[in-house]
Amino acid sequence: MSEPISLPILELIAGVLIVIGAIFSLLASLGILRFPDVYSRMHAASKAGTLGSGLMLLAIAVLAVDLAVVTRAMAGAVFFLLTAPVSSHLLARAAYFVGYEPWEGTVRDDLQDRYSGEGEGIRCESTPPVAKITSL
């Protein structure tokens, strides 16, 4: 009989993190292909893609011996966590302003009553209307 292969615990943890991160990245790509509208596709890409990339960078940090590599991997993970939701939100807002319609099965459209489509921006209950200046 052959003896079982013994892996150091850090390599096992890193391998599990890489596999889970790859699964989340695969789910993000499937969501991009299968979801019906631009908003749900961006949601899949930003949430699952960020988690997948973050887990893979965490695996690099677990395996790295050099402190500089660990610092860069953790900085990359923090960068993903901070920028992906913001960029996804801004892209979704731009898509809404350009006129991409949500899927017909969308339950709620929070901007429907606040945005006229006339290029005036979004109306908010807390800010009073601003008078337009016609001449100087």
N, C-alpha and C. Protein backbone atom coordinates (compact mmCIF):
# COMPACT_ATOMS: atom_id res chain seq x y z
N MET A 1 0.83 -1.18 0.00
CA MET A 1 0.00 0.00 0.00
C MET A 1 0.87 1.24 0.00
N SER A 2 0.37 2.25 -0.63
CA SER A 2 1.12 3.49 -0.67
C SER A 2 0.71 4.38 0.51
N GLU A 3 1.64 5.16 0.97
CA GLU A 3 1.36 6.06 2.08
C GLU A 3 0.63 7.29 1.55
N PRO A 4 -0.27 7.85 2.36
CA PRO A 4 -0.95 9.07 1.93
C PRO A 4 0.04 10.24 1.84
N ILE A 5 -0.23 11.10 0.89
CA ILE A 5 0.64 12.26 0.69
C ILE A 5 0.30 13.29 1.76
N SER A 6 1.29 13.73 2.49
CA SER A 6 1.06 14.73 3.53
C SER A 6 1.44 16.11 2.99
N LEU A 7 0.48 17.01 3.03
CA LEU A 7 0.72 18.38 2.61
C LEU A 7 0.81 19.26 3.85
N PRO A 8 1.69 20.21 3.82
CA PRO A 8 1.68 21.17 4.92
C PRO A 8 0.34 21.90 4.97
N ILE A 9 -0.06 22.28 6.15
CA ILE A 9 -1.38 22.86 6.34
C ILE A 9 -1.57 24.16 5.57
N LEU A 10 -0.52 24.97 5.42
CA LEU A 10 -0.65 26.23 4.68
C LEU A 10 -0.90 25.98 3.20
N GLU A 11 -0.27 24.96 2.64
CA GLU A 11 -0.52 24.64 1.23
C GLU A 11 -1.93 24.12 1.04
N LEU A 12 -2.43 23.38 1.99
CA LEU A 12 -3.81 22.89 1.92
C LEU A 12 -4.80 24.05 2.00
N ILE A 13 -4.57 24.97 2.92
CA ILE A 13 -5.45 26.14 3.05
C ILE A 13 -5.40 26.98 1.78
N ALA A 14 -4.21 27.22 1.24
CA ALA A 14 -4.09 28.00 0.01
C ALA A 14 -4.77 27.30 -1.16
N GLY A 15 -4.64 25.98 -1.24
CA GLY A 15 -5.31 25.24 -2.31
C GLY A 15 -6.82 25.35 -2.22
N VAL A 16 -7.35 25.26 -1.01
CA VAL A 16 -8.80 25.39 -0.83
C VAL A 16 -9.26 26.80 -1.20
N LEU A 17 -8.50 27.81 -0.80
CA LEU A 17 -8.85 29.19 -1.15
C LEU A 17 -8.82 29.41 -2.66
N ILE A 18 -7.84 28.84 -3.34
CA ILE A 18 -7.75 28.99 -4.79
C ILE A 18 -8.93 28.30 -5.47
N VAL A 19 -9.28 27.10 -5.01
CA VAL A 19 -10.40 26.38 -5.63
C VAL A 19 -11.71 27.14 -5.40
N ILE A 20 -11.94 27.62 -4.19
CA ILE A 20 -13.17 28.37 -3.92
C ILE A 20 -13.18 29.67 -4.71
N GLY A 21 -12.03 30.35 -4.79
CA GLY A 21 -11.95 31.57 -5.59
C GLY A 21 -12.21 31.31 -7.07
N ALA A 22 -11.70 30.20 -7.58
CA ALA A 22 -11.94 29.85 -8.98
C ALA A 22 -13.41 29.53 -9.21
N ILE A 23 -14.05 28.90 -8.24
CA ILE A 23 -15.49 28.60 -8.38
C ILE A 23 -16.29 29.90 -8.41
N PHE A 24 -15.96 30.85 -7.54
CA PHE A 24 -16.66 32.14 -7.56
C PHE A 24 -16.41 32.88 -8.87
N SER A 25 -15.20 32.83 -9.39
CA SER A 25 -14.92 33.47 -10.67
C SER A 25 -15.69 32.80 -11.81
N LEU A 26 -15.80 31.48 -11.75
CA LEU A 26 -16.59 30.76 -12.75
C LEU A 26 -18.06 31.14 -12.66
N LEU A 27 -18.58 31.24 -11.44
CA LEU A 27 -19.97 31.65 -11.26
C LEU A 27 -20.20 33.08 -11.76
N ALA A 28 -19.21 33.95 -11.56
CA ALA A 28 -19.33 35.31 -12.08
C ALA A 28 -19.39 35.31 -13.60
N SER A 29 -18.56 34.51 -14.24
CA SER A 29 -18.58 34.46 -15.71
C SER A 29 -19.87 33.84 -16.23
N LEU A 30 -20.39 32.83 -15.53
CA LEU A 30 -21.68 32.27 -15.92
C LEU A 30 -22.80 33.28 -15.74
N GLY A 31 -22.73 34.07 -14.68
CA GLY A 31 -23.74 35.12 -14.48
C GLY A 31 -23.70 36.16 -15.57
N ILE A 32 -22.50 36.50 -16.02
CA ILE A 32 -22.38 37.47 -17.12
C ILE A 32 -23.01 36.91 -18.40
N LEU A 33 -22.85 35.63 -18.62
CA LEU A 33 -23.41 35.01 -19.82
C LEU A 33 -24.92 34.78 -19.73
N ARG A 34 -25.43 34.44 -18.56
CA ARG A 34 -26.80 33.96 -18.44
C ARG A 34 -27.82 35.00 -17.97
N PHE A 35 -27.40 36.02 -17.24
CA PHE A 35 -28.38 36.96 -16.70
C PHE A 35 -28.97 37.83 -17.80
N PRO A 36 -30.22 38.28 -17.63
CA PRO A 36 -30.95 38.88 -18.74
C PRO A 36 -30.61 40.34 -19.06
N ASP A 37 -30.19 41.14 -18.08
CA ASP A 37 -29.96 42.55 -18.39
C ASP A 37 -28.60 43.00 -17.86
N VAL A 38 -28.24 44.21 -18.24
CA VAL A 38 -26.91 44.73 -17.92
C VAL A 38 -26.73 44.90 -16.41
N TYR A 39 -27.79 45.19 -15.70
CA TYR A 39 -27.68 45.45 -14.26
C TYR A 39 -27.40 44.17 -13.48
N SER A 40 -28.09 43.11 -13.79
CA SER A 40 -27.83 41.86 -13.08
C SER A 40 -26.49 41.26 -13.51
N ARG A 41 -26.07 41.50 -14.74
CA ARG A 41 -24.74 41.04 -15.17
C ARG A 41 -23.64 41.76 -14.40
N MET A 42 -23.81 43.07 -14.23
CA MET A 42 -22.82 43.82 -13.46
C MET A 42 -22.81 43.39 -12.01
N HIS A 43 -23.97 43.05 -11.48
CA HIS A 43 -24.05 42.57 -10.10
C HIS A 43 -23.26 41.27 -9.94
N ALA A 44 -23.45 40.36 -10.88
CA ALA A 44 -22.72 39.09 -10.81
C ALA A 44 -21.22 39.30 -10.94
N ALA A 45 -20.83 40.16 -11.86
CA ALA A 45 -19.40 40.39 -12.07
C ALA A 45 -18.75 41.06 -10.88
N SER A 46 -19.44 42.02 -10.28
CA SER A 46 -18.80 42.75 -9.18
C SER A 46 -18.77 41.94 -7.90
N LYS A 47 -19.85 41.24 -7.58
CA LYS A 47 -19.88 40.51 -6.31
C LYS A 47 -19.05 39.23 -6.37
N ALA A 48 -19.38 38.34 -7.27
CA ALA A 48 -18.69 37.05 -7.33
C ALA A 48 -17.25 37.22 -7.83
N GLY A 49 -17.04 38.12 -8.77
CA GLY A 49 -15.69 38.34 -9.27
C GLY A 49 -14.76 38.91 -8.22
N THR A 50 -15.28 39.83 -7.41
CA THR A 50 -14.48 40.40 -6.33
C THR A 50 -14.14 39.36 -5.29
N LEU A 51 -15.12 38.55 -4.93
CA LEU A 51 -14.86 37.51 -3.93
C LEU A 51 -13.87 36.48 -4.46
N GLY A 52 -14.01 36.08 -5.72
CA GLY A 52 -13.08 35.12 -6.31
C GLY A 52 -11.67 35.65 -6.37
N SER A 53 -11.51 36.89 -6.82
CA SER A 53 -10.17 37.49 -6.89
C SER A 53 -9.59 37.68 -5.50
N GLY A 54 -10.42 38.11 -4.57
CA GLY A 54 -9.95 38.31 -3.20
C GLY A 54 -9.48 37.02 -2.55
N LEU A 55 -10.21 35.93 -2.79
CA LEU A 55 -9.80 34.64 -2.22
C LEU A 55 -8.49 34.15 -2.83
N MET A 56 -8.31 34.37 -4.12
CA MET A 56 -7.05 33.95 -4.74
C MET A 56 -5.87 34.79 -4.24
N LEU A 57 -6.09 36.08 -4.04
CA LEU A 57 -5.03 36.91 -3.48
C LEU A 57 -4.74 36.53 -2.02
N LEU A 58 -5.77 36.14 -1.30
CA LEU A 58 -5.57 35.67 0.07
C LEU A 58 -4.75 34.38 0.08
N ALA A 59 -4.98 33.52 -0.90
CA ALA A 59 -4.18 32.29 -1.01
C ALA A 59 -2.71 32.61 -1.27
N ILE A 60 -2.46 33.62 -2.10
CA ILE A 60 -1.08 34.04 -2.34
C ILE A 60 -0.45 34.55 -1.04
N ALA A 61 -1.23 35.32 -0.27
CA ALA A 61 -0.71 35.84 0.99
C ALA A 61 -0.43 34.72 1.99
N VAL A 62 -1.25 33.66 1.97
CA VAL A 62 -1.03 32.54 2.89
C VAL A 62 0.25 31.80 2.53
N LEU A 63 0.52 31.63 1.25
CA LEU A 63 1.69 30.86 0.81
C LEU A 63 2.99 31.66 0.78
N ALA A 64 2.88 32.97 0.68
CA ALA A 64 4.08 33.78 0.49
C ALA A 64 4.96 33.77 1.73
N VAL A 65 6.24 33.74 1.47
CA VAL A 65 7.23 33.79 2.55
C VAL A 65 7.67 35.23 2.79
N ASP A 66 7.75 35.98 1.72
CA ASP A 66 8.24 37.35 1.79
C ASP A 66 7.12 38.29 2.24
N LEU A 67 7.43 39.19 3.16
CA LEU A 67 6.44 40.14 3.67
C LEU A 67 5.97 41.10 2.59
N ALA A 68 6.85 41.43 1.64
CA ALA A 68 6.47 42.33 0.55
C ALA A 68 5.39 41.70 -0.33
N VAL A 69 5.47 40.41 -0.58
CA VAL A 69 4.46 39.72 -1.38
C VAL A 69 3.13 39.68 -0.63
N VAL A 70 3.19 39.40 0.66
CA VAL A 70 1.97 39.38 1.49
C VAL A 70 1.31 40.75 1.49
N THR A 71 2.12 41.80 1.64
CA THR A 71 1.59 43.16 1.65
C THR A 71 0.95 43.51 0.32
N ARG A 72 1.58 43.15 -0.77
CA ARG A 72 1.01 43.44 -2.10
C ARG A 72 -0.28 42.66 -2.34
N ALA A 73 -0.30 41.41 -1.92
CA ALA A 73 -1.51 40.60 -2.11
C ALA A 73 -2.67 41.16 -1.29
N MET A 74 -2.39 41.54 -0.06
CA MET A 74 -3.46 42.10 0.78
C MET A 74 -3.90 43.46 0.27
N ALA A 75 -2.95 44.27 -0.23
CA ALA A 75 -3.31 45.56 -0.82
C ALA A 75 -4.17 45.36 -2.06
N GLY A 76 -3.86 44.36 -2.86
CA GLY A 76 -4.69 44.06 -4.03
C GLY A 76 -6.09 43.63 -3.64
N ALA A 77 -6.21 42.82 -2.60
CA ALA A 77 -7.53 42.38 -2.14
C ALA A 77 -8.34 43.56 -1.61
N VAL A 78 -7.70 44.43 -0.84
CA VAL A 78 -8.40 45.62 -0.33
C VAL A 78 -8.79 46.53 -1.48
N PHE A 79 -7.92 46.67 -2.47
CA PHE A 79 -8.23 47.48 -3.65
C PHE A 79 -9.46 46.94 -4.37
N PHE A 80 -9.53 45.62 -4.56
CA PHE A 80 -10.71 45.01 -5.18
C PHE A 80 -11.96 45.28 -4.36
N LEU A 81 -11.87 45.10 -3.06
CA LEU A 81 -13.04 45.28 -2.20
C LEU A 81 -13.53 46.72 -2.19
N LEU A 82 -12.64 47.67 -2.34
CA LEU A 82 -13.04 49.08 -2.32
C LEU A 82 -13.49 49.60 -3.68
N THR A 83 -12.89 49.13 -4.75
CA THR A 83 -13.19 49.72 -6.06
C THR A 83 -14.27 49.00 -6.85
N ALA A 84 -14.43 47.71 -6.69
CA ALA A 84 -15.41 46.98 -7.50
C ALA A 84 -16.84 47.43 -7.24
N PRO A 85 -17.29 47.59 -6.00
CA PRO A 85 -18.66 48.06 -5.80
C PRO A 85 -18.89 49.48 -6.31
N VAL A 86 -17.90 50.35 -6.14
CA VAL A 86 -18.04 51.73 -6.60
C VAL A 86 -18.11 51.78 -8.12
N SER A 87 -17.22 51.07 -8.79
CA SER A 87 -17.22 51.10 -10.25
C SER A 87 -18.48 50.44 -10.81
N SER A 88 -18.95 49.38 -10.18
CA SER A 88 -20.18 48.74 -10.62
C SER A 88 -21.37 49.67 -10.45
N HIS A 89 -21.42 50.38 -9.34
CA HIS A 89 -22.50 51.32 -9.11
C HIS A 89 -22.49 52.45 -10.14
N LEU A 90 -21.31 52.98 -10.43
CA LEU A 90 -21.22 54.07 -11.40
C LEU A 90 -21.57 53.60 -12.81
N LEU A 91 -21.14 52.40 -13.18
CA LEU A 91 -21.50 51.87 -14.49
C LEU A 91 -23.00 51.61 -14.60
N ALA A 92 -23.60 51.11 -13.53
CA ALA A 92 -25.05 50.88 -13.56
C ALA A 92 -25.81 52.20 -13.65
N ARG A 93 -25.35 53.19 -12.93
CA ARG A 93 -26.00 54.51 -12.99
C ARG A 93 -25.87 55.11 -14.39
N ALA A 94 -24.69 54.98 -15.00
CA ALA A 94 -24.50 55.49 -16.35
C ALA A 94 -25.37 54.73 -17.35
N ALA A 95 -25.49 53.42 -17.18
CA ALA A 95 -26.35 52.63 -18.07
C ALA A 95 -27.80 53.06 -17.93
N TYR A 96 -28.23 53.38 -16.72
CA TYR A 96 -29.60 53.83 -16.51
C TYR A 96 -29.83 55.18 -17.17
N PHE A 97 -28.86 56.09 -17.04
CA PHE A 97 -29.01 57.42 -17.64
C PHE A 97 -28.99 57.36 -19.15
N VAL A 98 -28.22 56.43 -19.72
CA VAL A 98 -28.17 56.30 -21.17
C VAL A 98 -29.47 55.72 -21.71
N GLY A 99 -30.15 54.92 -20.90
CA GLY A 99 -31.45 54.41 -21.32
C GLY A 99 -31.58 52.91 -21.38
N TYR A 100 -30.63 52.17 -20.82
CA TYR A 100 -30.78 50.72 -20.78
C TYR A 100 -31.93 50.36 -19.85
N GLU A 101 -32.91 49.69 -20.39
CA GLU A 101 -34.09 49.32 -19.62
C GLU A 101 -33.79 48.12 -18.73
N PRO A 102 -34.29 48.13 -17.50
CA PRO A 102 -34.17 46.93 -16.67
C PRO A 102 -35.00 45.79 -17.24
N TRP A 103 -34.67 44.59 -16.87
CA TRP A 103 -35.40 43.41 -17.29
C TRP A 103 -36.86 43.52 -16.85
N GLU A 104 -37.78 42.97 -17.64
CA GLU A 104 -39.20 43.09 -17.31
C GLU A 104 -39.57 42.40 -16.00
N GLY A 105 -38.75 41.50 -15.53
CA GLY A 105 -39.00 40.84 -14.25
C GLY A 105 -38.41 41.58 -13.06
N THR A 106 -37.87 42.77 -13.29
CA THR A 106 -37.30 43.55 -12.20
C THR A 106 -38.41 43.98 -11.25
N VAL A 107 -38.21 43.75 -9.97
CA VAL A 107 -39.25 44.01 -8.98
C VAL A 107 -39.35 45.49 -8.65
N ARG A 108 -38.23 46.18 -8.56
CA ARG A 108 -38.25 47.55 -8.07
C ARG A 108 -37.28 48.41 -8.87
N ASP A 109 -37.71 49.61 -9.22
CA ASP A 109 -36.87 50.59 -9.89
C ASP A 109 -36.90 51.88 -9.07
N ASP A 110 -35.89 52.08 -8.25
CA ASP A 110 -35.87 53.22 -7.34
C ASP A 110 -35.69 54.56 -8.05
N LEU A 111 -35.13 54.56 -9.23
CA LEU A 111 -34.88 55.82 -9.94
C LEU A 111 -36.01 56.21 -10.88
N GLN A 112 -37.03 55.40 -11.01
CA GLN A 112 -38.08 55.65 -11.99
C GLN A 112 -38.79 56.98 -11.76
N ASP A 113 -39.12 57.30 -10.52
CA ASP A 113 -39.83 58.55 -10.24
C ASP A 113 -38.89 59.72 -9.99
N ARG A 114 -37.61 59.46 -9.85
CA ARG A 114 -36.67 60.52 -9.52
C ARG A 114 -35.90 61.04 -10.73
N TYR A 115 -35.92 60.32 -11.81
CA TYR A 115 -35.15 60.71 -12.99
C TYR A 115 -36.10 60.87 -14.16
N SER A 116 -36.06 62.04 -14.78
CA SER A 116 -37.01 62.33 -15.85
C SER A 116 -36.51 61.91 -17.22
N GLY A 117 -35.22 61.74 -17.39
CA GLY A 117 -34.68 61.42 -18.71
C GLY A 117 -34.42 62.64 -19.56
N GLU A 118 -34.64 63.82 -19.01
CA GLU A 118 -34.44 65.07 -19.74
C GLU A 118 -33.05 65.66 -19.50
N GLY A 119 -32.19 64.94 -18.82
CA GLY A 119 -30.85 65.44 -18.54
C GLY A 119 -30.80 66.37 -17.35
N GLU A 120 -31.83 66.37 -16.51
CA GLU A 120 -31.88 67.26 -15.36
C GLU A 120 -31.22 66.67 -14.13
N GLY A 121 -30.84 65.43 -14.16
CA GLY A 121 -30.28 64.79 -12.98
C GLY A 121 -31.37 64.09 -12.18
N ILE A 122 -31.03 63.74 -10.96
CA ILE A 122 -31.96 62.99 -10.11
C ILE A 122 -32.57 63.93 -9.10
N ARG A 123 -33.89 63.85 -8.94
CA ARG A 123 -34.57 64.63 -7.92
C ARG A 123 -34.55 63.87 -6.61
N CYS A 124 -34.28 64.58 -5.54
CA CYS A 124 -34.22 63.98 -4.21
C CYS A 124 -35.16 64.75 -3.30
N GLU A 125 -35.80 64.07 -2.35
CA GLU A 125 -36.75 64.72 -1.46
C GLU A 125 -36.07 65.73 -0.53
N SER A 126 -34.82 65.52 -0.18
CA SER A 126 -34.16 66.35 0.82
C SER A 126 -33.59 67.65 0.25
N THR A 127 -33.42 67.74 -1.05
CA THR A 127 -32.87 68.96 -1.63
C THR A 127 -33.97 69.73 -2.35
N PRO A 128 -34.03 71.04 -2.11
CA PRO A 128 -35.05 71.84 -2.79
C PRO A 128 -34.71 71.99 -4.26
N PRO A 129 -35.70 72.25 -5.10
CA PRO A 129 -35.41 72.45 -6.52
C PRO A 129 -34.56 73.70 -6.73
N VAL A 130 -33.70 73.64 -7.71
CA VAL A 130 -32.80 74.75 -8.02
C VAL A 130 -33.38 75.51 -9.21
N ALA A 131 -33.41 76.84 -9.07
CA ALA A 131 -33.92 77.67 -10.16
C ALA A 131 -32.90 77.70 -11.29
N LYS A 132 -33.41 77.65 -12.51
CA LYS A 132 -32.52 77.71 -13.67
C LYS A 132 -32.22 79.17 -14.00
N ILE A 133 -30.96 79.45 -14.29
CA ILE A 133 -30.54 80.80 -14.67
C ILE A 133 -30.62 80.88 -16.18
N THR A 134 -31.42 81.81 -16.66
CA THR A 134 -31.60 81.93 -18.10
C THR A 134 -30.65 82.95 -18.72
N SER A 135 -30.29 83.99 -17.98
CA SER A 135 -29.37 84.98 -18.52
C SER A 135 -28.50 85.53 -17.40
N LEU A 136 -27.38 86.10 -17.79
CA LEU A 136 -26.47 86.68 -16.79
C LEU A 136 -26.70 88.12 -16.62
